[in-house]
């Protein structure tokens, strides 16, 4: 059975008894990927329009155009996550950590 059909039939409960249902987490993951792909296609198809719209707004409201631009780039740039790491030992003294040790600590959080 094709995966698309299995996903739809898992959702509506019409799978044959011998075919296991897809877990909801797998269905959600596929749905999110489809939405991201669709939004990327929509954005790519409208890049010229967005540029025109920003220029039109900038004529009368330059600050608003900058705000809109900043909002838009949030979707194209990876978000940076701030992480705080306490490197003091139990006695309160500072420890020296290598870059790989720091990366290991950060990846665990």
Protein backbone atom coordinates (compact mmCIF):
# COMPACT_ATOMS: atom_id res chain seq x y z
CA UNK A 1 0.00 0.00 0.00
CA UNK A 2 1.45 3.40 -0.93
CA UNK A 3 2.50 5.47 2.08
CA UNK A 4 0.11 8.32 1.20
CA UNK A 5 -2.85 5.95 1.21
CA UNK A 6 -1.64 4.26 4.39
CA UNK A 7 -1.39 7.65 6.09
CA UNK A 8 -4.89 8.72 5.04
CA UNK A 9 -6.39 5.37 5.98
CA UNK A 10 -4.58 5.44 9.34
CA UNK A 11 -6.25 8.76 10.05
CA UNK A 12 -9.75 7.64 9.11
CA UNK A 13 -9.40 4.14 10.62
CA UNK A 14 -10.03 2.18 7.40
CA UNK A 15 -6.78 0.21 7.18
CA UNK A 16 -7.05 -3.52 6.59
CA UNK A 17 -6.40 -5.53 9.77
CA UNK A 18 -3.05 -6.82 8.45
CA UNK A 19 -1.61 -3.33 7.85
CA UNK A 20 -0.33 -1.52 10.95
CA UNK A 21 -1.40 2.08 11.47
CA UNK A 22 1.20 4.79 11.08
CA UNK A 23 2.02 6.46 14.39
CA UNK A 24 0.52 9.92 14.77
CA UNK A 25 4.02 11.35 15.25
CA UNK A 26 5.02 10.09 11.80
CA UNK A 27 1.87 11.53 10.24
CA UNK A 28 2.48 14.89 11.97
CA UNK A 29 6.07 14.92 10.77
CA UNK A 30 5.01 14.29 7.16
CA UNK A 31 2.33 16.97 7.43
CA UNK A 32 4.80 19.55 8.76
CA UNK A 33 7.22 18.72 5.93
CA UNK A 34 4.45 19.20 3.36
CA UNK A 35 3.46 22.54 4.86
CA UNK A 36 7.08 23.75 4.89
CA UNK A 37 7.50 22.66 1.27
CA UNK A 38 4.26 24.37 0.20
CA UNK A 39 5.17 27.59 1.99
CA UNK A 40 8.64 27.57 0.40
CA UNK A 41 7.07 27.17 -3.05
CA UNK A 42 4.62 29.98 -2.34
CA UNK A 43 7.40 32.26 -1.13
CA UNK A 44 9.60 31.46 -4.12
CA UNK A 45 6.75 32.14 -6.53
CA UNK A 46 6.07 35.53 -4.91
CA UNK A 47 9.58 36.84 -4.29
CA UNK A 48 9.20 39.51 -6.99
CA UNK A 49 5.82 40.57 -5.56
CA UNK A 50 7.24 40.78 -2.03
CA UNK A 51 10.08 42.96 -3.28
CA UNK A 52 7.57 45.26 -5.01
CA UNK A 53 5.34 45.40 -1.93
CA UNK A 54 8.27 46.29 0.33
CA UNK A 55 9.29 49.09 -2.04
CA UNK A 56 5.70 50.40 -2.12
CA UNK A 57 5.50 50.46 1.68
CA UNK A 58 8.95 52.08 1.91
CA UNK A 59 7.82 55.07 -0.16
CA UNK A 60 5.47 56.29 2.57
CA UNK A 61 6.57 54.27 5.62
CA UNK A 62 10.27 53.37 5.49
CA UNK A 63 10.35 52.21 9.11
CA UNK A 64 7.40 49.87 8.49
CA UNK A 65 9.15 48.46 5.42
CA UNK A 66 12.21 47.67 7.55
CA UNK A 67 10.00 46.00 10.18
CA UNK A 68 8.32 43.87 7.51
CA UNK A 69 11.69 42.94 6.05
CA UNK A 70 12.97 41.86 9.47
CA UNK A 71 9.85 39.77 10.01
CA UNK A 72 10.36 38.09 6.63
CA UNK A 73 14.01 37.23 7.13
CA UNK A 74 13.19 35.41 10.34
CA UNK A 75 11.77 32.66 8.14
CA UNK A 76 14.87 32.33 5.99
CA UNK A 77 17.61 32.54 8.59
CA UNK A 78 18.21 29.81 11.17
CA UNK A 79 17.25 30.81 14.66
CA UNK A 80 20.06 30.96 17.16
CA UNK A 81 19.30 29.50 20.54
CA UNK A 82 20.90 31.12 23.56
CA UNK A 83 22.39 28.66 26.02
CA UNK A 84 23.81 29.28 29.45
CA UNK A 85 26.39 26.82 30.75
CA UNK A 86 27.72 26.87 34.31
CA UNK A 87 31.31 25.60 34.21
CA UNK A 88 32.02 25.90 37.92
CA UNK A 89 33.02 22.79 39.81
CA UNK A 90 31.33 21.82 43.09
CA UNK A 91 33.77 23.92 45.11
CA UNK A 92 32.86 27.01 43.05
CA UNK A 93 36.08 27.27 41.07
CA UNK A 94 35.95 27.68 37.31
CA UNK A 95 36.71 24.69 35.14
CA UNK A 96 38.46 24.75 31.79
CA UNK A 97 36.57 22.94 29.09
CA UNK A 98 37.58 22.16 25.54
CA UNK A 99 35.36 23.26 22.66
CA UNK A 100 34.21 19.66 22.14
CA UNK A 101 33.26 19.37 25.83
CA UNK A 102 31.25 22.60 25.60
CA UNK A 103 29.54 21.42 22.40
CA UNK A 104 28.68 18.14 24.12
CA UNK A 105 27.12 19.97 27.08
CA UNK A 106 25.14 22.31 24.81
CA UNK A 107 23.85 19.47 22.62
CA UNK A 108 22.47 17.69 25.69
CA UNK A 109 20.25 20.67 26.57
